[in-house]
Amino acid sequence: MITVIKFRRQTMQSKSYKTKQGDELRSFLESVPGKHITAADVCDYFRRTGKPMGMATVYRQLDKLVDEGVIAKYNIDAGTPACFEYLGTHLSQETCYHCKCSVCGKLIHMHCEELPELQKHILQHHGFAIDPVRTIFYGVCSDCAKEKQ
């Protein structure tokens, strides 16, 4: 039997309230499932639609959605801004890992039926539970590998 461990940040706030901007941000993220969005992308989108939202508000709302488990936050590396991905019910249905190309920077979703076995092995034999929302494999994508040849 495979035990799946779900990771969610625990929020320090005891009270959660809804705001119009929070609802609009959630709707925007729901409209771009599977895409990695930065806080700057969110600000640009709302500025273009005539509903500007301040960067501090965007970060506050994004952090709230991360705490709720609605979106995932990826810190790819020190030189890249954090990106966010709408999960919805995605996380409860399947585990998704990511691959980042160290040449072009592309972030690729990786759905593979072998990975839960790897996750199980690491837990059983090494006593370590992998957080799939935060796990990124680094390497070279097929496009960059072709260019290199």
N, C-alpha and C. Protein backbone atom coordinates (compact mmCIF):
# COMPACT_ATOMS: atom_id res chain seq x y z
N MET A 1 0.84 -1.18 0.00
CA MET A 1 0.00 0.00 0.00
C MET A 1 0.88 1.24 0.00
N ILE A 2 0.59 2.17 -0.89
CA ILE A 2 1.35 3.42 -0.98
C ILE A 2 0.65 4.47 -0.15
N THR A 3 1.39 5.11 0.72
CA THR A 3 0.85 6.20 1.51
C THR A 3 1.26 7.50 0.85
N VAL A 4 0.30 8.30 0.48
CA VAL A 4 0.59 9.58 -0.14
C VAL A 4 0.51 10.65 0.93
N ILE A 5 1.56 11.39 1.05
CA ILE A 5 1.60 12.45 2.04
C ILE A 5 1.36 13.77 1.32
N LYS A 6 0.35 14.49 1.76
CA LYS A 6 0.06 15.79 1.16
C LYS A 6 0.64 16.88 2.03
N PHE A 7 1.30 17.81 1.41
CA PHE A 7 1.94 18.90 2.13
C PHE A 7 1.15 20.18 1.91
N ARG A 8 0.83 20.83 2.97
CA ARG A 8 0.20 22.15 2.90
C ARG A 8 0.79 23.00 4.00
N ARG A 9 1.02 24.25 3.69
CA ARG A 9 1.52 25.17 4.71
C ARG A 9 0.41 25.42 5.70
N GLN A 10 0.77 25.52 6.94
CA GLN A 10 -0.21 25.85 7.97
C GLN A 10 -0.27 27.36 8.09
N THR A 11 -1.44 27.89 8.04
CA THR A 11 -1.60 29.34 8.14
C THR A 11 -1.66 29.77 9.60
N MET A 12 -1.11 30.89 9.90
CA MET A 12 -1.11 31.43 11.25
C MET A 12 -2.40 32.19 11.52
N GLN A 13 -3.13 32.54 10.48
CA GLN A 13 -4.35 33.30 10.66
C GLN A 13 -5.48 32.37 11.06
N SER A 14 -6.25 32.78 12.05
CA SER A 14 -7.38 31.95 12.44
C SER A 14 -8.62 32.34 11.65
N LYS A 15 -8.60 33.51 11.07
CA LYS A 15 -9.76 34.00 10.34
C LYS A 15 -9.39 34.25 8.89
N SER A 16 -10.19 33.74 7.98
CA SER A 16 -9.95 33.94 6.56
C SER A 16 -11.16 34.67 5.99
N TYR A 17 -10.92 35.70 5.22
CA TYR A 17 -12.03 36.44 4.64
C TYR A 17 -11.83 36.57 3.14
N LYS A 18 -12.96 36.69 2.45
CA LYS A 18 -12.92 36.80 0.99
C LYS A 18 -12.94 38.26 0.59
N THR A 19 -12.22 38.54 -0.48
CA THR A 19 -12.23 39.89 -1.03
C THR A 19 -12.51 39.81 -2.52
N LYS A 20 -12.94 40.92 -3.08
CA LYS A 20 -13.21 40.97 -4.52
C LYS A 20 -11.93 40.69 -5.30
N GLN A 21 -10.83 41.29 -4.87
CA GLN A 21 -9.55 41.08 -5.57
C GLN A 21 -9.11 39.63 -5.45
N GLY A 22 -9.33 39.01 -4.29
CA GLY A 22 -8.98 37.61 -4.12
C GLY A 22 -9.79 36.72 -5.05
N ASP A 23 -11.10 37.03 -5.18
CA ASP A 23 -11.96 36.25 -6.08
C ASP A 23 -11.53 36.43 -7.54
N GLU A 24 -11.17 37.66 -7.91
CA GLU A 24 -10.73 37.92 -9.28
C GLU A 24 -9.42 37.20 -9.58
N LEU A 25 -8.51 37.21 -8.61
CA LEU A 25 -7.23 36.52 -8.80
C LEU A 25 -7.45 35.02 -8.94
N ARG A 26 -8.30 34.45 -8.11
CA ARG A 26 -8.60 33.02 -8.19
C ARG A 26 -9.20 32.68 -9.56
N SER A 27 -10.14 33.52 -10.04
CA SER A 27 -10.75 33.29 -11.35
C SER A 27 -9.71 33.33 -12.46
N PHE A 28 -8.79 34.28 -12.37
CA PHE A 28 -7.73 34.38 -13.36
C PHE A 28 -6.88 33.10 -13.36
N LEU A 29 -6.47 32.65 -12.18
CA LEU A 29 -5.64 31.45 -12.08
C LEU A 29 -6.37 30.21 -12.59
N GLU A 30 -7.66 30.13 -12.31
CA GLU A 30 -8.47 29.00 -12.81
C GLU A 30 -8.52 29.00 -14.33
N SER A 31 -8.39 30.19 -14.94
CA SER A 31 -8.47 30.29 -16.40
C SER A 31 -7.17 29.90 -17.10
N VAL A 32 -6.10 29.71 -16.33
CA VAL A 32 -4.81 29.34 -16.92
C VAL A 32 -4.24 28.09 -16.22
N PRO A 33 -5.02 27.00 -16.17
CA PRO A 33 -4.53 25.81 -15.48
C PRO A 33 -3.30 25.24 -16.18
N GLY A 34 -2.37 24.74 -15.39
CA GLY A 34 -1.17 24.13 -15.96
C GLY A 34 -0.11 25.12 -16.37
N LYS A 35 -0.36 26.41 -16.22
CA LYS A 35 0.64 27.42 -16.58
C LYS A 35 1.30 27.94 -15.31
N HIS A 36 2.55 28.31 -15.45
CA HIS A 36 3.30 28.87 -14.33
C HIS A 36 3.26 30.39 -14.47
N ILE A 37 2.73 31.04 -13.44
CA ILE A 37 2.49 32.48 -13.46
C ILE A 37 3.30 33.13 -12.35
N THR A 38 3.94 34.26 -12.65
CA THR A 38 4.64 35.02 -11.62
C THR A 38 3.72 36.12 -11.10
N ALA A 39 4.09 36.70 -9.97
CA ALA A 39 3.31 37.82 -9.43
C ALA A 39 3.29 38.98 -10.43
N ALA A 40 4.40 39.20 -11.13
CA ALA A 40 4.45 40.26 -12.15
C ALA A 40 3.47 39.96 -13.29
N ASP A 41 3.34 38.68 -13.67
CA ASP A 41 2.36 38.30 -14.70
C ASP A 41 0.94 38.66 -14.25
N VAL A 42 0.65 38.40 -12.99
CA VAL A 42 -0.68 38.71 -12.45
C VAL A 42 -0.92 40.21 -12.50
N CYS A 43 0.05 40.99 -12.04
CA CYS A 43 -0.10 42.46 -12.07
C CYS A 43 -0.29 42.97 -13.49
N ASP A 44 0.49 42.44 -14.43
CA ASP A 44 0.36 42.85 -15.84
C ASP A 44 -1.03 42.52 -16.37
N TYR A 45 -1.52 41.33 -16.07
CA TYR A 45 -2.85 40.92 -16.54
C TYR A 45 -3.92 41.89 -16.03
N PHE A 46 -3.92 42.17 -14.73
CA PHE A 46 -4.96 43.04 -14.18
C PHE A 46 -4.80 44.50 -14.63
N ARG A 47 -3.57 44.93 -14.88
CA ARG A 47 -3.37 46.28 -15.42
C ARG A 47 -3.95 46.36 -16.82
N ARG A 48 -3.71 45.33 -17.65
CA ARG A 48 -4.23 45.30 -19.02
C ARG A 48 -5.76 45.25 -19.06
N THR A 49 -6.36 44.63 -18.07
CA THR A 49 -7.83 44.51 -18.05
C THR A 49 -8.49 45.69 -17.37
N GLY A 50 -7.70 46.69 -16.98
CA GLY A 50 -8.26 47.89 -16.36
C GLY A 50 -8.61 47.74 -14.89
N LYS A 51 -8.07 46.71 -14.25
CA LYS A 51 -8.31 46.48 -12.82
C LYS A 51 -6.97 46.33 -12.11
N PRO A 52 -6.16 47.41 -12.08
CA PRO A 52 -4.82 47.27 -11.51
C PRO A 52 -4.86 46.77 -10.06
N MET A 53 -3.88 45.93 -9.75
CA MET A 53 -3.76 45.37 -8.42
C MET A 53 -2.30 45.56 -7.99
N GLY A 54 -2.09 46.07 -6.81
CA GLY A 54 -0.74 46.31 -6.32
C GLY A 54 0.03 45.02 -6.06
N MET A 55 1.34 45.09 -6.20
CA MET A 55 2.19 43.91 -6.02
C MET A 55 2.04 43.32 -4.62
N ALA A 56 1.95 44.17 -3.59
CA ALA A 56 1.79 43.65 -2.22
C ALA A 56 0.48 42.88 -2.08
N THR A 57 -0.58 43.38 -2.68
CA THR A 57 -1.88 42.69 -2.65
C THR A 57 -1.79 41.36 -3.38
N VAL A 58 -1.13 41.36 -4.53
CA VAL A 58 -0.98 40.12 -5.30
C VAL A 58 -0.24 39.08 -4.48
N TYR A 59 0.89 39.46 -3.89
CA TYR A 59 1.65 38.50 -3.08
C TYR A 59 0.84 38.01 -1.88
N ARG A 60 0.12 38.90 -1.24
CA ARG A 60 -0.70 38.51 -0.08
C ARG A 60 -1.77 37.50 -0.51
N GLN A 61 -2.43 37.77 -1.63
CA GLN A 61 -3.48 36.86 -2.12
C GLN A 61 -2.88 35.53 -2.59
N LEU A 62 -1.74 35.58 -3.26
CA LEU A 62 -1.09 34.35 -3.71
C LEU A 62 -0.67 33.50 -2.51
N ASP A 63 -0.10 34.13 -1.49
CA ASP A 63 0.29 33.38 -0.29
C ASP A 63 -0.92 32.74 0.38
N LYS A 64 -2.03 33.45 0.39
CA LYS A 64 -3.27 32.90 0.97
C LYS A 64 -3.72 31.67 0.19
N LEU A 65 -3.66 31.73 -1.14
CA LEU A 65 -4.06 30.60 -1.97
C LEU A 65 -3.10 29.42 -1.82
N VAL A 66 -1.82 29.70 -1.60
CA VAL A 66 -0.85 28.63 -1.33
C VAL A 66 -1.21 27.96 0.00
N ASP A 67 -1.49 28.78 1.02
CA ASP A 67 -1.88 28.24 2.33
C ASP A 67 -3.11 27.36 2.24
N GLU A 68 -4.05 27.73 1.37
CA GLU A 68 -5.29 26.96 1.21
C GLU A 68 -5.09 25.72 0.34
N GLY A 69 -3.93 25.60 -0.31
CA GLY A 69 -3.68 24.45 -1.17
C GLY A 69 -4.30 24.57 -2.54
N VAL A 70 -4.74 25.77 -2.91
CA VAL A 70 -5.38 25.99 -4.21
C VAL A 70 -4.33 26.14 -5.30
N ILE A 71 -3.19 26.74 -4.96
CA ILE A 71 -2.10 26.91 -5.91
C ILE A 71 -0.81 26.39 -5.30
N ALA A 72 0.13 26.07 -6.16
CA ALA A 72 1.47 25.66 -5.71
C ALA A 72 2.43 26.80 -6.01
N LYS A 73 3.42 26.94 -5.16
CA LYS A 73 4.45 27.96 -5.34
C LYS A 73 5.76 27.24 -5.60
N TYR A 74 6.44 27.64 -6.67
CA TYR A 74 7.72 27.05 -7.03
C TYR A 74 8.80 28.12 -6.96
N ASN A 75 9.84 27.85 -6.18
CA ASN A 75 11.03 28.68 -6.17
C ASN A 75 12.08 27.89 -6.95
N ILE A 76 12.22 28.24 -8.21
CA ILE A 76 13.05 27.45 -9.11
C ILE A 76 14.53 27.60 -8.78
N ASP A 77 14.99 28.83 -8.69
CA ASP A 77 16.38 29.09 -8.31
C ASP A 77 16.47 30.53 -7.81
N ALA A 78 17.62 30.90 -7.30
CA ALA A 78 17.79 32.22 -6.68
C ALA A 78 17.59 33.37 -7.66
N GLY A 79 17.89 33.18 -8.93
CA GLY A 79 17.80 34.26 -9.90
C GLY A 79 16.46 34.38 -10.60
N THR A 80 15.52 33.52 -10.27
CA THR A 80 14.22 33.49 -10.94
C THR A 80 13.12 33.81 -9.95
N PRO A 81 12.16 34.66 -10.33
CA PRO A 81 11.06 34.93 -9.39
C PRO A 81 10.22 33.67 -9.18
N ALA A 82 9.62 33.57 -8.01
CA ALA A 82 8.74 32.43 -7.72
C ALA A 82 7.62 32.40 -8.74
N CYS A 83 7.19 31.20 -9.09
CA CYS A 83 6.04 31.08 -9.97
C CYS A 83 4.97 30.25 -9.26
N PHE A 84 3.75 30.44 -9.72
CA PHE A 84 2.59 29.84 -9.09
C PHE A 84 1.81 29.07 -10.14
N GLU A 85 1.17 27.99 -9.69
CA GLU A 85 0.38 27.17 -10.59
C GLU A 85 -0.93 26.81 -9.91
N TYR A 86 -2.02 26.99 -10.63
CA TYR A 86 -3.33 26.62 -10.11
C TYR A 86 -3.42 25.10 -10.02
N LEU A 87 -3.80 24.60 -8.86
CA LEU A 87 -3.94 23.16 -8.66
C LEU A 87 -5.38 22.70 -8.69
N GLY A 88 -6.27 23.47 -8.09
CA GLY A 88 -7.65 23.03 -7.98
C GLY A 88 -7.68 21.68 -7.31
N THR A 89 -8.26 20.68 -7.96
CA THR A 89 -8.30 19.33 -7.42
C THR A 89 -7.17 18.49 -7.97
N HIS A 90 -6.29 19.10 -8.77
CA HIS A 90 -5.18 18.41 -9.43
C HIS A 90 -4.32 17.62 -8.46
N LEU A 91 -3.95 18.23 -7.34
CA LEU A 91 -3.02 17.59 -6.41
C LEU A 91 -3.61 16.33 -5.80
N SER A 92 -4.90 16.33 -5.55
CA SER A 92 -5.49 15.15 -4.93
C SER A 92 -5.65 14.01 -5.94
N GLN A 93 -5.62 14.31 -7.23
CA GLN A 93 -5.83 13.27 -8.23
C GLN A 93 -4.54 12.59 -8.65
N GLU A 94 -3.48 13.32 -8.81
CA GLU A 94 -2.22 12.72 -9.24
C GLU A 94 -1.06 13.58 -8.82
N THR A 95 0.10 12.96 -8.78
CA THR A 95 1.32 13.66 -8.40
C THR A 95 1.99 14.18 -9.66
N CYS A 96 2.37 15.43 -9.63
CA CYS A 96 3.04 16.03 -10.77
C CYS A 96 4.39 16.58 -10.32
N TYR A 97 5.42 16.10 -10.95
CA TYR A 97 6.75 16.63 -10.71
C TYR A 97 7.09 17.57 -11.85
N HIS A 98 8.19 18.26 -11.72
CA HIS A 98 8.60 19.21 -12.76
C HIS A 98 10.06 18.99 -13.12
N CYS A 99 10.37 19.26 -14.37
CA CYS A 99 11.74 19.22 -14.87
C CYS A 99 12.08 20.63 -15.35
N LYS A 100 13.25 21.10 -14.98
CA LYS A 100 13.68 22.43 -15.43
C LYS A 100 14.94 22.27 -16.27
N CYS A 101 14.87 22.84 -17.48
CA CYS A 101 16.02 22.80 -18.37
C CYS A 101 17.04 23.84 -17.90
N SER A 102 18.25 23.40 -17.65
CA SER A 102 19.28 24.31 -17.17
C SER A 102 19.87 25.15 -18.30
N VAL A 103 19.47 24.87 -19.55
CA VAL A 103 19.95 25.66 -20.69
C VAL A 103 18.97 26.79 -21.01
N CYS A 104 17.70 26.44 -21.31
CA CYS A 104 16.73 27.46 -21.73
C CYS A 104 15.79 27.91 -20.61
N GLY A 105 15.77 27.19 -19.49
CA GLY A 105 14.94 27.58 -18.36
C GLY A 105 13.51 27.07 -18.41
N LYS A 106 13.17 26.32 -19.44
CA LYS A 106 11.81 25.79 -19.58
C LYS A 106 11.47 24.91 -18.39
N LEU A 107 10.23 25.06 -17.88
CA LEU A 107 9.74 24.22 -16.79
C LEU A 107 8.69 23.28 -17.38
N ILE A 108 8.90 21.99 -17.23
CA ILE A 108 8.06 20.98 -17.86
C ILE A 108 7.32 20.17 -16.80
N HIS A 109 6.01 20.00 -16.98
CA HIS A 109 5.23 19.11 -16.11
C HIS A 109 5.59 17.68 -16.46
N MET A 110 5.81 16.88 -15.45
CA MET A 110 6.15 15.49 -15.72
C MET A 110 5.17 14.58 -14.98
N HIS A 111 4.33 13.93 -15.75
CA HIS A 111 3.40 12.94 -15.21
C HIS A 111 3.95 11.58 -15.62
N CYS A 112 4.32 10.77 -14.65
CA CYS A 112 4.93 9.49 -14.95
C CYS A 112 4.51 8.49 -13.89
N GLU A 113 4.02 7.35 -14.33
CA GLU A 113 3.53 6.35 -13.38
C GLU A 113 4.66 5.70 -12.59
N GLU A 114 5.90 5.91 -12.97
CA GLU A 114 7.04 5.35 -12.24
C GLU A 114 7.40 6.18 -11.00
N LEU A 115 7.06 7.46 -11.01
CA LEU A 115 7.48 8.33 -9.91
C LEU A 115 6.88 7.97 -8.56
N PRO A 116 5.60 7.56 -8.48
CA PRO A 116 5.09 7.14 -7.17
C PRO A 116 5.89 5.97 -6.58
N GLU A 117 6.40 5.09 -7.43
CA GLU A 117 7.24 3.99 -6.94
C GLU A 117 8.55 4.51 -6.38
N LEU A 118 9.13 5.50 -7.06
CA LEU A 118 10.35 6.13 -6.56
C LEU A 118 10.07 6.81 -5.22
N GLN A 119 8.95 7.52 -5.15
CA GLN A 119 8.54 8.21 -3.92
C GLN A 119 8.37 7.18 -2.79
N LYS A 120 7.74 6.06 -3.08
CA LYS A 120 7.51 5.00 -2.11
C LYS A 120 8.86 4.41 -1.65
N HIS A 121 9.75 4.16 -2.59
CA HIS A 121 11.07 3.60 -2.27
C HIS A 121 11.83 4.54 -1.32
N ILE A 122 11.85 5.80 -1.64
CA ILE A 122 12.60 6.77 -0.83
C ILE A 122 12.01 6.84 0.58
N LEU A 123 10.69 6.78 0.69
CA LEU A 123 10.05 6.81 2.01
C LEU A 123 10.38 5.54 2.80
N GLN A 124 10.21 4.38 2.17
CA GLN A 124 10.41 3.10 2.88
C GLN A 124 11.87 2.81 3.20
N HIS A 125 12.77 3.09 2.28
CA HIS A 125 14.17 2.70 2.46
C HIS A 125 15.07 3.81 2.99
N HIS A 126 14.61 5.03 2.91
CA HIS A 126 15.46 6.14 3.33
C HIS A 126 14.78 7.03 4.36
N GLY A 127 13.50 6.73 4.67
CA GLY A 127 12.79 7.48 5.70
C GLY A 127 12.57 8.94 5.35
N PHE A 128 12.41 9.21 4.07
CA PHE A 128 12.26 10.60 3.63
C PHE A 128 11.05 10.72 2.73
N ALA A 129 10.13 11.62 3.09
CA ALA A 129 8.92 11.85 2.31
C ALA A 129 9.16 13.02 1.35
N ILE A 130 9.06 12.73 0.07
CA ILE A 130 9.25 13.77 -0.96
C ILE A 130 7.99 14.61 -1.07
N ASP A 131 8.16 15.91 -1.14
CA ASP A 131 7.06 16.84 -1.36
C ASP A 131 6.96 17.06 -2.86
N PRO A 132 5.99 16.42 -3.54
CA PRO A 132 5.93 16.52 -5.00
C PRO A 132 5.65 17.92 -5.51
N VAL A 133 5.01 18.74 -4.70
CA VAL A 133 4.73 20.11 -5.14
C VAL A 133 6.02 20.92 -5.23
N ARG A 134 7.02 20.56 -4.47
CA ARG A 134 8.27 21.31 -4.45
C ARG A 134 9.42 20.61 -5.16
N THR A 135 9.17 19.45 -5.74
CA THR A 135 10.26 18.68 -6.34
C THR A 135 10.46 19.04 -7.80
N ILE A 136 11.69 19.43 -8.11
CA ILE A 136 12.05 19.81 -9.48
C ILE A 136 13.32 19.05 -9.85
N PHE A 137 13.28 18.39 -11.00
CA PHE A 137 14.45 17.72 -11.53
C PHE A 137 15.13 18.66 -12.52
N TYR A 138 16.44 18.81 -12.41
CA TYR A 138 17.19 19.69 -13.29
C TYR A 138 17.94 18.87 -14.32
N GLY A 139 18.01 19.39 -15.54
CA GLY A 139 18.70 18.71 -16.62
C GLY A 139 18.58 19.50 -17.91
N VAL A 140 18.61 18.81 -19.03
CA VAL A 140 18.55 19.47 -20.34
C VAL A 140 17.35 18.91 -21.09
N CYS A 141 16.49 19.80 -21.61
CA CYS A 141 15.30 19.37 -22.35
C CYS A 141 15.71 18.81 -23.72
N SER A 142 14.79 18.12 -24.36
CA SER A 142 15.09 17.48 -25.65
C SER A 142 15.41 18.51 -26.73
N ASP A 143 14.75 19.68 -26.70
CA ASP A 143 15.04 20.72 -27.70
C ASP A 143 16.48 21.22 -27.58
N CYS A 144 16.91 21.50 -26.36
CA CYS A 144 18.28 22.00 -26.15
C CYS A 144 19.30 20.90 -26.43
N ALA A 145 18.95 19.64 -26.12
CA ALA A 145 19.87 18.53 -26.41
C ALA A 145 20.06 18.39 -27.92
N LYS A 146 18.99 18.57 -28.70
CA LYS A 146 19.09 18.50 -30.17
C LYS A 146 19.98 19.61 -30.71
N GLU A 147 19.80 20.83 -30.16
CA GLU A 147 20.62 21.97 -30.62
C GLU A 147 22.09 21.74 -30.32
N LYS A 148 22.36 21.08 -29.20
CA LYS A 148 23.75 20.85 -28.80
C LYS A 148 24.45 19.86 -29.71
N GLN A 149 23.66 18.94 -30.31
CA GLN A 149 24.25 17.91 -31.19
C GLN A 149 24.62 18.51 -32.47
